[in-house]
Amino acid sequence: MHDETHSTPRAEQTVTVRFIPQGSVSTVKRPKNVRQLLQRLGIMEETALVIRDGQLLTEDLPIYPGQTIDIQRVVSAG
């Protein structure tokens, strides 16, 4: 007998990314960590802040399915 409670729906294998302050939203197939998320989005690590639940994340921290991640681009004013 197959137990459905242990299977993860396909939609749960993604994370939601909100780009701040632009307000755009994207869904990304679940990356393993912050570094992989930025790579998949084509964003250089030095050019963005990655935030989860109000906490700044470093590149090595894991990201889990179903989470919402905010990305704020860093702009240098010269």
C-alpha atoms as a PDB file:
ATOM      1  CA  MET A   1       0.000   0.000   0.000  1.00  0.00           C
ATOM      2  CA  HIS A   2       1.374   3.416  -0.981  1.00  0.00           C
ATOM      3  CA  ASP A   3       1.322   6.057   1.784  1.00  0.00           C
ATOM      4  CA  GLU A   4       0.548   9.448   0.191  1.00  0.00           C
ATOM      5  CA  THR A   5       1.468  11.396   3.348  1.00  0.00           C
ATOM      6  CA  HIS A   6       5.200  10.848   2.767  1.00  0.00           C
ATOM      7  CA  SER A   7       5.343  11.958  -0.843  1.00  0.00           C
ATOM      8  CA  THR A   8       6.145  15.588  -1.601  1.00  0.00           C
ATOM      9  CA  PRO A   9       4.059  17.219  -4.318  1.00  0.00           C
ATOM     10  CA  ARG A  10       6.048  18.441  -7.310  1.00  0.00           C
ATOM     11  CA  ALA A  11       5.038  22.064  -6.625  1.00  0.00           C
ATOM     12  CA  GLU A  12       6.693  21.804  -3.214  1.00  0.00           C
ATOM     13  CA  GLN A  13      10.077  21.259  -4.891  1.00  0.00           C
ATOM     14  CA  THR A  14      10.259  24.959  -5.746  1.00  0.00           C
ATOM     15  CA  VAL A  15      11.015  28.178  -3.916  1.00  0.00           C
ATOM     16  CA  THR A  16       9.376  31.536  -4.491  1.00  0.00           C
ATOM     17  CA  VAL A  17      11.736  34.445  -5.133  1.00  0.00           C
ATOM     18  CA  ARG A  18      10.610  38.034  -4.625  1.00  0.00           C
ATOM     19  CA  PHE A  19      12.790  40.759  -6.099  1.00  0.00           C
ATOM     20  CA  ILE A  20      12.941  43.840  -3.887  1.00  0.00           C
ATOM     21  CA  PRO A  21      12.106  46.676  -4.576  1.00  0.00           C
ATOM     22  CA  GLN A  22      10.907  45.782  -8.107  1.00  0.00           C
ATOM     23  CA  GLY A  23       8.122  43.625  -6.705  1.00  0.00           C
ATOM     24  CA  SER A  24       8.448  40.904  -9.332  1.00  0.00           C
ATOM     25  CA  VAL A  25       8.028  37.282  -8.257  1.00  0.00           C
ATOM     26  CA  SER A  26       9.551  34.148  -9.747  1.00  0.00           C
ATOM     27  CA  THR A  27       9.395  30.433  -8.989  1.00  0.00           C
ATOM     28  CA  VAL A  28      12.664  28.508  -9.087  1.00  0.00           C
ATOM     29  CA  LYS A  29      13.177  24.752  -8.991  1.00  0.00           C
ATOM     30  CA  ARG A  30      14.539  24.093  -5.539  1.00  0.00           C
ATOM     31  CA  PRO A  31      18.175  25.112  -5.224  1.00  0.00           C
ATOM     32  CA  LYS A  32      20.288  23.408  -2.564  1.00  0.00           C
ATOM     33  CA  ASN A  33      21.686  26.649  -1.170  1.00  0.00           C
ATOM     34  CA  VAL A  34      21.873  30.409  -1.672  1.00  0.00           C
ATOM     35  CA  ARG A  35      24.861  30.156  -4.029  1.00  0.00           C
ATOM     36  CA  GLN A  36      22.991  27.786  -6.351  1.00  0.00           C
ATOM     37  CA  LEU A  37      19.891  30.007  -6.281  1.00  0.00           C
ATOM     38  CA  LEU A  38      21.898  33.036  -7.384  1.00  0.00           C
ATOM     39  CA  GLN A  39      23.649  31.015 -10.091  1.00  0.00           C
ATOM     40  CA  ARG A  40      20.326  29.794 -11.486  1.00  0.00           C
ATOM     41  CA  LEU A  41      19.059  33.370 -11.597  1.00  0.00           C
ATOM     42  CA  GLY A  42      22.251  34.640 -13.240  1.00  0.00           C
ATOM     43  CA  ILE A  43      23.046  36.946 -10.329  1.00  0.00           C
ATOM     44  CA  MET A  44      26.605  37.449  -9.079  1.00  0.00           C
ATOM     45  CA  GLU A  45      26.874  36.797  -5.331  1.00  0.00           C
ATOM     46  CA  GLU A  46      28.494  40.182  -4.696  1.00  0.00           C
ATOM     47  CA  THR A  47      25.581  42.076  -6.236  1.00  0.00           C
ATOM     48  CA  ALA A  48      22.641  40.903  -4.119  1.00  0.00           C
ATOM     49  CA  LEU A  49      21.404  40.439  -0.581  1.00  0.00           C
ATOM     50  CA  VAL A  50      19.431  37.235  -0.013  1.00  0.00           C
ATOM     51  CA  ILE A  51      16.879  37.365   2.784  1.00  0.00           C
ATOM     52  CA  ARG A  52      14.592  34.734   4.340  1.00  0.00           C
ATOM     53  CA  ASP A  53      12.091  35.662   7.048  1.00  0.00           C
ATOM     54  CA  GLY A  54      13.931  38.931   7.671  1.00  0.00           C
ATOM     55  CA  GLN A  55      17.317  37.215   8.103  1.00  0.00           C
ATOM     56  CA  LEU A  56      20.265  37.867   5.798  1.00  0.00           C
ATOM     57  CA  LEU A  57      21.568  34.596   4.329  1.00  0.00           C
ATOM     58  CA  THR A  58      25.129  33.660   3.409  1.00  0.00           C
ATOM     59  CA  GLU A  59      25.901  31.748   0.203  1.00  0.00           C
ATOM     60  CA  ASP A  60      26.366  28.381   1.918  1.00  0.00           C
ATOM     61  CA  LEU A  61      23.056  28.243   3.798  1.00  0.00           C
ATOM     62  CA  PRO A  62      20.494  25.678   2.621  1.00  0.00           C
ATOM     63  CA  ILE A  63      17.182  26.591   1.037  1.00  0.00           C
ATOM     64  CA  TYR A  64      14.194  24.304   1.539  1.00  0.00           C
ATOM     65  CA  PRO A  65      11.213  23.590  -0.725  1.00  0.00           C
ATOM     66  CA  GLY A  66       8.233  25.877  -0.276  1.00  0.00           C
ATOM     67  CA  GLN A  67      10.223  28.781   1.165  1.00  0.00           C
ATOM     68  CA  THR A  68       9.950  32.383   0.016  1.00  0.00           C
ATOM     69  CA  ILE A  69      13.256  34.162  -0.524  1.00  0.00           C
ATOM     70  CA  ASP A  70      13.718  37.898  -1.042  1.00  0.00           C
ATOM     71  CA  ILE A  71      16.535  39.169  -3.230  1.00  0.00           C
ATOM     72  CA  GLN A  72      17.593  42.790  -3.041  1.00  0.00           C
ATOM     73  CA  ARG A  73      20.131  43.993  -5.568  1.00  0.00           C
ATOM     74  CA  VAL A  74      23.026  46.001  -4.173  1.00  0.00           C
ATOM     75  CA  VAL A  75      23.718  49.278  -5.951  1.00  0.00           C
ATOM     76  CA  SER A  76      26.977  51.119  -5.505  1.00  0.00           C
ATOM     77  CA  ALA A  77      26.771  54.893  -5.684  1.00  0.00           C
ATOM     78  CA  GLY A  78      30.028  56.438  -6.781  1.00  0.00           C
END
